[in-house]
Amino acid sequence: MPELPEYMYQKERLIDPEFTPQESLFRRVPPFIWDDWKDDGDIELDAIQFPDMSVNREKYGPAESARWERGRYVDWGVVGFLVGDIPSEILYQGAVIYRLKAAHKPERRNYPHSEVQAFEAKWESPQVEIHIDESTMPGVPLEAQQEWRELLRRKCRIILRPGEEAPNSQR
């Protein structure tokens, strides 16, 4: 089993809240989801999950950094998208505004770890947003959830397929 690369350790590094629109984010996708994909480059909707979708930042590690799970290497596929491709505001039925944002959430053995988080604001007070997490997700209409996922899915690209070795692998 490969050893965790040095760049993955948080050590004394702090949270970096600044993302540029050109920065890539990488998400690992389990092989069972890949089994249903056609070879046309289209990403399956099941690869995109909310709330708090786990991703890794290109700024702190290559695409294969997403293949590390709690210090253990998993041979999953990796998809990627740009921070600027995250739909920043989605109006839903003229009553709710949903906002998606990247947030750096480093872990002790995964400094590049980040999340795409969802927030909800009412149309009449758009500046007051509530973070949507596991406890509040059941209150979000399924159609709104599907819309977020579909918009982001369209921006995803395949980076590494399961079993595919990354060029210049740093494992």
C-alpha atoms as a PDB file:
ATOM      1  CA  MET A   1       0.000   0.000   0.000  1.00  0.00           C
ATOM      2  CA  PRO A   2       1.378   3.448  -0.900  1.00  0.00           C
ATOM      3  CA  GLU A   3       2.251   5.899   1.830  1.00  0.00           C
ATOM      4  CA  LEU A   4       0.343   9.107   2.317  1.00  0.00           C
ATOM      5  CA  PRO A   5       2.196  11.869   0.443  1.00  0.00           C
ATOM      6  CA  GLU A   6       3.710  14.651   2.518  1.00  0.00           C
ATOM      7  CA  TYR A   7       1.529  17.330   0.870  1.00  0.00           C
ATOM      8  CA  MET A   8      -1.570  15.665   2.357  1.00  0.00           C
ATOM      9  CA  TYR A   9      -0.635  16.384   5.997  1.00  0.00           C
ATOM     10  CA  GLN A  10      -2.097  19.542   7.485  1.00  0.00           C
ATOM     11  CA  LYS A  11       0.664  20.072  10.051  1.00  0.00           C
ATOM     12  CA  GLU A  12       0.608  23.743  11.079  1.00  0.00           C
ATOM     13  CA  ARG A  13      -1.125  25.015   7.932  1.00  0.00           C
ATOM     14  CA  LEU A  14      -4.297  27.021   8.490  1.00  0.00           C
ATOM     15  CA  ILE A  15      -7.584  27.154   6.615  1.00  0.00           C
ATOM     16  CA  ASP A  16      -7.268  29.008   3.317  1.00  0.00           C
ATOM     17  CA  PRO A  17     -10.684  30.541   2.551  1.00  0.00           C
ATOM     18  CA  GLU A  18      -9.600  32.145  -0.743  1.00  0.00           C
ATOM     19  CA  PHE A  19     -10.497  30.312  -3.952  1.00  0.00           C
ATOM     20  CA  THR A  20      -9.913  31.623  -7.467  1.00  0.00           C
ATOM     21  CA  PRO A  21     -12.481  30.880 -10.175  1.00  0.00           C
ATOM     22  CA  GLN A  22      -9.755  29.036 -12.163  1.00  0.00           C
ATOM     23  CA  GLU A  23      -8.867  26.612  -9.340  1.00  0.00           C
ATOM     24  CA  SER A  24      -9.914  23.004  -9.966  1.00  0.00           C
ATOM     25  CA  LEU A  25     -11.726  20.903  -7.403  1.00  0.00           C
ATOM     26  CA  PHE A  26     -11.523  17.108  -7.513  1.00  0.00           C
ATOM     27  CA  ARG A  27     -14.073  14.570  -6.313  1.00  0.00           C
ATOM     28  CA  ARG A  28     -13.503  10.842  -5.942  1.00  0.00           C
ATOM     29  CA  VAL A  29     -16.231   8.631  -7.332  1.00  0.00           C
ATOM     30  CA  PRO A  30     -16.634   4.973  -6.300  1.00  0.00           C
ATOM     31  CA  PRO A  31     -16.272   2.278  -8.971  1.00  0.00           C
ATOM     32  CA  PHE A  32     -19.914   1.117  -8.687  1.00  0.00           C
ATOM     33  CA  ILE A  33     -21.037   4.494 -10.053  1.00  0.00           C
ATOM     34  CA  TRP A  34     -18.579   4.190 -12.972  1.00  0.00           C
ATOM     35  CA  ASP A  35     -20.048   0.805 -13.884  1.00  0.00           C
ATOM     36  CA  ASP A  36     -23.199   2.491 -15.198  1.00  0.00           C
ATOM     37  CA  TRP A  37     -21.405   5.168 -17.254  1.00  0.00           C
ATOM     38  CA  LYS A  38     -21.234   5.144 -20.957  1.00  0.00           C
ATOM     39  CA  ASP A  39     -17.870   5.929 -22.473  1.00  0.00           C
ATOM     40  CA  ASP A  40     -19.120   9.261 -23.841  1.00  0.00           C
ATOM     41  CA  GLY A  41     -17.472  11.404 -21.149  1.00  0.00           C
ATOM     42  CA  ASP A  42     -20.791  12.297 -19.532  1.00  0.00           C
ATOM     43  CA  ILE A  43     -20.671  12.306 -15.734  1.00  0.00           C
ATOM     44  CA  GLU A  44     -23.363  10.374 -13.838  1.00  0.00           C
ATOM     45  CA  LEU A  45     -25.590  12.528 -11.644  1.00  0.00           C
ATOM     46  CA  ASP A  46     -24.873  10.210  -8.689  1.00  0.00           C
ATOM     47  CA  ALA A  47     -21.296  11.541  -8.642  1.00  0.00           C
ATOM     48  CA  ILE A  48     -22.655  14.861  -7.366  1.00  0.00           C
ATOM     49  CA  GLN A  49     -24.000  14.823  -3.820  1.00  0.00           C
ATOM     50  CA  PHE A  50     -25.214  17.370  -1.320  1.00  0.00           C
ATOM     51  CA  PRO A  51     -25.062  18.630   1.350  1.00  0.00           C
ATOM     52  CA  ASP A  52     -21.403  19.478   1.890  1.00  0.00           C
ATOM     53  CA  MET A  53     -19.998  17.614  -1.108  1.00  0.00           C
ATOM     54  CA  SER A  54     -16.441  16.534  -0.374  1.00  0.00           C
ATOM     55  CA  VAL A  55     -13.746  17.631  -2.841  1.00  0.00           C
ATOM     56  CA  ASN A  56      -9.999  18.311  -2.836  1.00  0.00           C
ATOM     57  CA  ARG A  57      -8.324  21.534  -3.914  1.00  0.00           C
ATOM     58  CA  GLU A  58      -5.903  21.633  -6.819  1.00  0.00           C
ATOM     59  CA  LYS A  59      -4.001  24.400  -5.036  1.00  0.00           C
ATOM     60  CA  TYR A  60      -2.808  21.907  -2.404  1.00  0.00           C
ATOM     61  CA  GLY A  61      -2.618  18.644  -4.309  1.00  0.00           C
ATOM     62  CA  PRO A  62      -3.050  16.936  -7.683  1.00  0.00           C
ATOM     63  CA  ALA A  63      -6.235  15.176  -8.775  1.00  0.00           C
ATOM     64  CA  GLU A  64      -5.076  11.888  -7.277  1.00  0.00           C
ATOM     65  CA  SER A  65      -5.144  13.507  -3.811  1.00  0.00           C
ATOM     66  CA  ALA A  66      -8.896  12.855  -3.930  1.00  0.00           C
ATOM     67  CA  ARG A  67      -8.136   9.118  -3.913  1.00  0.00           C
ATOM     68  CA  TRP A  68      -6.951   9.258  -0.303  1.00  0.00           C
ATOM     69  CA  GLU A  69      -9.662   8.510   2.227  1.00  0.00           C
ATOM     70  CA  ARG A  70      -8.712   8.863   5.905  1.00  0.00           C
ATOM     71  CA  GLY A  71      -5.076   8.111   5.122  1.00  0.00           C
ATOM     72  CA  ARG A  72      -5.914   5.075   2.959  1.00  0.00           C
ATOM     73  CA  TYR A  73      -5.524   5.019  -0.823  1.00  0.00           C
ATOM     74  CA  VAL A  74      -8.664   3.970  -2.742  1.00  0.00           C
ATOM     75  CA  ASP A  75      -8.572   3.225  -6.456  1.00  0.00           C
ATOM     76  CA  TRP A  76     -11.649   5.221  -7.323  1.00  0.00           C
ATOM     77  CA  GLY A  77     -12.251   7.483 -10.279  1.00  0.00           C
ATOM     78  CA  VAL A  78     -11.848  11.254 -10.032  1.00  0.00           C
ATOM     79  CA  VAL A  79     -13.930  13.978 -11.655  1.00  0.00           C
ATOM     80  CA  GLY A  80     -13.123  17.665 -11.610  1.00  0.00           C
ATOM     81  CA  PHE A  81     -14.606  21.093 -12.158  1.00  0.00           C
ATOM     82  CA  LEU A  82     -13.543  24.698 -11.673  1.00  0.00           C
ATOM     83  CA  VAL A  83     -14.549  26.785  -8.659  1.00  0.00           C
ATOM     84  CA  GLY A  84     -15.949  29.291 -11.160  1.00  0.00           C
ATOM     85  CA  ASP A  85     -18.251  26.565 -12.513  1.00  0.00           C
ATOM     86  CA  ILE A  86     -20.091  26.195  -9.200  1.00  0.00           C
ATOM     87  CA  PRO A  87     -23.539  27.769  -9.663  1.00  0.00           C
ATOM     88  CA  SER A  88     -23.327  30.721  -7.296  1.00  0.00           C
ATOM     89  CA  GLU A  89     -27.039  31.529  -7.108  1.00  0.00           C
ATOM     90  CA  ILE A  90     -30.099  29.534  -8.083  1.00  0.00           C
ATOM     91  CA  LEU A  91     -33.536  31.101  -7.836  1.00  0.00           C
ATOM     92  CA  TYR A  92     -36.159  28.555  -6.930  1.00  0.00           C
ATOM     93  CA  GLN A  93     -39.870  29.189  -7.543  1.00  0.00           C
ATOM     94  CA  GLY A  94     -39.488  32.911  -6.856  1.00  0.00           C
ATOM     95  CA  ALA A  95     -39.364  32.331  -3.109  1.00  0.00           C
ATOM     96  CA  VAL A  96     -35.952  30.879  -2.267  1.00  0.00           C
ATOM     97  CA  ILE A  97     -32.394  31.606  -3.314  1.00  0.00           C
ATOM     98  CA  TYR A  98     -29.894  28.774  -3.106  1.00  0.00           C
ATOM     99  CA  ARG A  99     -26.190  29.574  -3.116  1.00  0.00           C
ATOM    100  CA  LEU A 100     -23.366  27.101  -3.565  1.00  0.00           C
ATOM    101  CA  LYS A 101     -19.882  27.944  -2.300  1.00  0.00           C
ATOM    102  CA  ALA A 102     -16.493  26.281  -1.986  1.00  0.00           C
ATOM    103  CA  ALA A 103     -15.117  26.082   1.566  1.00  0.00           C
ATOM    104  CA  HIS A 104     -11.677  24.818   2.627  1.00  0.00           C
ATOM    105  CA  LYS A 105     -12.186  22.174   5.336  1.00  0.00           C
ATOM    106  CA  PRO A 106      -8.736  20.659   5.903  1.00  0.00           C
ATOM    107  CA  GLU A 107      -8.368  17.423   7.791  1.00  0.00           C
ATOM    108  CA  ARG A 108      -5.302  16.269   9.708  1.00  0.00           C
ATOM    109  CA  ARG A 109      -4.346  13.830   6.936  1.00  0.00           C
ATOM    110  CA  ASN A 110      -6.032  15.623   4.039  1.00  0.00           C
ATOM    111  CA  TYR A 111      -5.074  19.283   3.917  1.00  0.00           C
ATOM    112  CA  PRO A 112      -6.533  19.778   0.391  1.00  0.00           C
ATOM    113  CA  HIS A 113      -9.988  18.660   1.632  1.00  0.00           C
ATOM    114  CA  SER A 114     -12.763  21.121   0.908  1.00  0.00           C
ATOM    115  CA  GLU A 115     -16.521  21.093   0.468  1.00  0.00           C
ATOM    116  CA  VAL A 116     -19.071  22.549  -1.887  1.00  0.00           C
ATOM    117  CA  GLN A 117     -21.675  23.813   0.539  1.00  0.00           C
ATOM    118  CA  ALA A 118     -25.257  24.909  -0.059  1.00  0.00           C
ATOM    119  CA  PHE A 119     -27.003  27.858   1.574  1.00  0.00           C
ATOM    120  CA  GLU A 120     -30.613  28.969   1.519  1.00  0.00           C
ATOM    121  CA  ALA A 121     -31.990  32.507   1.704  1.00  0.00           C
ATOM    122  CA  LYS A 122     -35.557  33.734   1.441  1.00  0.00           C
ATOM    123  CA  TRP A 123     -36.391  36.022  -1.454  1.00  0.00           C
ATOM    124  CA  GLU A 124     -37.523  38.810   0.905  1.00  0.00           C
ATOM    125  CA  SER A 125     -34.255  38.752   2.926  1.00  0.00           C
ATOM    126  CA  PRO A 126     -31.544  37.512   0.544  1.00  0.00           C
ATOM    127  CA  GLN A 127     -28.663  38.553   2.808  1.00  0.00           C
ATOM    128  CA  VAL A 128     -29.728  36.117   5.568  1.00  0.00           C
ATOM    129  CA  GLU A 129     -28.554  32.670   4.547  1.00  0.00           C
ATOM    130  CA  ILE A 130     -28.723  29.361   6.346  1.00  0.00           C
ATOM    131  CA  HIS A 131     -26.170  26.625   5.739  1.00  0.00           C
ATOM    132  CA  ILE A 132     -27.913  23.490   4.504  1.00  0.00           C
ATOM    133  CA  ASP A 133     -26.560  20.433   6.306  1.00  0.00           C
ATOM    134  CA  GLU A 134     -27.790  16.895   6.992  1.00  0.00           C
ATOM    135  CA  SER A 135     -30.395  18.137   9.464  1.00  0.00           C
ATOM    136  CA  THR A 136     -31.904  20.762   7.136  1.00  0.00           C
ATOM    137  CA  MET A 137     -31.564  18.895   3.832  1.00  0.00           C
ATOM    138  CA  PRO A 138     -34.942  17.082   4.202  1.00  0.00           C
ATOM    139  CA  GLY A 139     -36.629  20.511   4.016  1.00  0.00           C
ATOM    140  CA  VAL A 140     -35.101  21.285   0.612  1.00  0.00           C
ATOM    141  CA  PRO A 141     -37.371  20.314  -2.286  1.00  0.00           C
ATOM    142  CA  LEU A 142     -36.040  17.385  -4.286  1.00  0.00           C
ATOM    143  CA  GLU A 143     -36.431  19.400  -7.510  1.00  0.00           C
ATOM    144  CA  ALA A 144     -34.084  22.100  -6.136  1.00  0.00           C
ATOM    145  CA  GLN A 145     -31.524  19.477  -5.098  1.00  0.00           C
ATOM    146  CA  GLN A 146     -31.674  17.876  -8.545  1.00  0.00           C
ATOM    147  CA  GLU A 147     -31.200  21.271 -10.195  1.00  0.00           C
ATOM    148  CA  TRP A 148     -27.985  21.994  -8.175  1.00  0.00           C
ATOM    149  CA  ARG A 149     -26.621  18.571  -8.947  1.00  0.00           C
ATOM    150  CA  GLU A 150     -27.458  18.774 -12.652  1.00  0.00           C
ATOM    151  CA  LEU A 151     -25.945  22.246 -13.092  1.00  0.00           C
ATOM    152  CA  LEU A 152     -22.689  21.135 -11.486  1.00  0.00           C
ATOM    153  CA  ARG A 153     -22.678  17.754 -13.253  1.00  0.00           C
ATOM    154  CA  ARG A 154     -22.689  19.520 -16.605  1.00  0.00           C
ATOM    155  CA  LYS A 155     -19.439  21.267 -15.696  1.00  0.00           C
ATOM    156  CA  CYS A 156     -17.625  18.127 -14.500  1.00  0.00           C
ATOM    157  CA  ARG A 157     -15.012  16.349 -16.532  1.00  0.00           C
ATOM    158  CA  ILE A 158     -13.421  12.949 -16.069  1.00  0.00           C
ATOM    159  CA  ILE A 159      -9.901  13.291 -14.677  1.00  0.00           C
ATOM    160  CA  LEU A 160      -8.994   9.713 -13.679  1.00  0.00           C
ATOM    161  CA  ARG A 161     -10.971   6.522 -14.188  1.00  0.00           C
ATOM    162  CA  PRO A 162     -10.791   3.736 -11.594  1.00  0.00           C
ATOM    163  CA  GLY A 163      -7.589   1.793 -12.170  1.00  0.00           C
ATOM    164  CA  GLU A 164      -6.062   4.583 -14.230  1.00  0.00           C
ATOM    165  CA  GLU A 165      -2.657   5.775 -13.063  1.00  0.00           C
ATOM    166  CA  ALA A 166      -2.165   9.533 -12.825  1.00  0.00           C
ATOM    167  CA  PRO A 167       0.604  10.981 -14.985  1.00  0.00           C
ATOM    168  CA  ASN A 168       3.626  11.796 -12.792  1.00  0.00           C
ATOM    169  CA  SER A 169       1.967  10.001  -9.895  1.00  0.00           C
ATOM    170  CA  GLN A 170       2.973  11.277  -6.455  1.00  0.00           C
ATOM    171  CA  ARG A 171       1.686   8.237  -4.571  1.00  0.00           C
END
